[in-house]
C-alpha atoms as a PDB file:
ATOM      1  CA  UNK A   1      21.826  -2.065  -9.624  1.00  0.00           C
ATOM      2  CA  UNK A   2      19.943  -5.102 -10.920  1.00  0.00           C
ATOM      3  CA  UNK A   3      21.629  -7.329  -8.351  1.00  0.00           C
ATOM      4  CA  UNK A   4      20.574  -5.004  -5.537  1.00  0.00           C
ATOM      5  CA  UNK A   5      16.954  -5.136  -6.708  1.00  0.00           C
ATOM      6  CA  UNK A   6      17.066  -8.916  -7.007  1.00  0.00           C
ATOM      7  CA  UNK A   7      18.534  -9.231  -3.530  1.00  0.00           C
ATOM      8  CA  UNK A   8      15.820  -6.967  -2.105  1.00  0.00           C
ATOM      9  CA  UNK A   9      13.101  -9.048  -3.766  1.00  0.00           C
ATOM     10  CA  UNK A  10      14.718 -12.276  -2.554  1.00  0.00           C
ATOM     11  CA  UNK A  11      14.930 -11.019   1.034  1.00  0.00           C
ATOM     12  CA  UNK A  12      11.339  -9.770   0.873  1.00  0.00           C
ATOM     13  CA  UNK A  13      10.141 -13.175  -0.381  1.00  0.00           C
ATOM     14  CA  UNK A  14      12.113 -14.911   2.375  1.00  0.00           C
ATOM     15  CA  UNK A  15      10.429 -12.745   5.008  1.00  0.00           C
ATOM     16  CA  UNK A  16       7.009 -13.519   3.532  1.00  0.00           C
ATOM     17  CA  UNK A  17       7.729 -17.260   3.565  1.00  0.00           C
ATOM     18  CA  UNK A  18       8.883 -17.124   7.187  1.00  0.00           C
ATOM     19  CA  UNK A  19       5.785 -15.135   8.181  1.00  0.00           C
ATOM     20  CA  UNK A  20       3.449 -17.564   6.397  1.00  0.00           C
ATOM     21  CA  UNK A  21       5.173 -20.539   8.062  1.00  0.00           C
ATOM     22  CA  UNK A  22       4.796 -18.918  11.487  1.00  0.00           C
ATOM     23  CA  UNK A  23       1.107 -18.156  10.892  1.00  0.00           C
ATOM     24  CA  UNK A  24       0.528 -21.722   9.675  1.00  0.00           C
ATOM     25  CA  UNK A  25       2.214 -23.141  12.784  1.00  0.00           C
ATOM     26  CA  UNK A  26       0.188 -20.825  15.050  1.00  0.00           C
ATOM     27  CA  UNK A  27      -3.025 -21.776  13.230  1.00  0.00           C
ATOM     28  CA  UNK A  28      -2.249 -25.495  13.592  1.00  0.00           C
ATOM     29  CA  UNK A  29      -1.494 -25.089  17.300  1.00  0.00           C
ATOM     30  CA  UNK A  30      -4.762 -23.237  17.923  1.00  0.00           C
ATOM     31  CA  UNK A  31      -6.592 -25.884  15.871  1.00  0.00           C
ATOM     32  CA  UNK A  32      -5.053 -28.673  17.946  1.00  0.00           C
ATOM     33  CA  UNK A  33      -6.079 -26.900  21.155  1.00  0.00           C
ATOM     34  CA  UNK A  34      -9.629 -26.522  19.861  1.00  0.00           C
ATOM     35  CA  UNK A  35      -9.761 -30.188  18.850  1.00  0.00           C
ATOM     36  CA  UNK A  36      -8.439 -31.282  22.245  1.00  0.00           C
ATOM     37  CA  UNK A  37     -11.091 -29.187  24.003  1.00  0.00           C
ATOM     38  CA  UNK A  38     -13.895 -30.558  21.824  1.00  0.00           C
ATOM     39  CA  UNK A  39     -12.507 -34.103  22.246  1.00  0.00           C
ATOM     40  CA  UNK A  40     -12.977 -33.881  25.994  1.00  0.00           C
END
């Protein structure tokens, strides 16, 4: 039972990390686009 709970928490944390990485990448891409536009 404890192992199942731990595995659920671990999977949940992994999903959160993946989501945060994706949002960071998207934010950086949009930032780069904005900088390129302002640079011109």
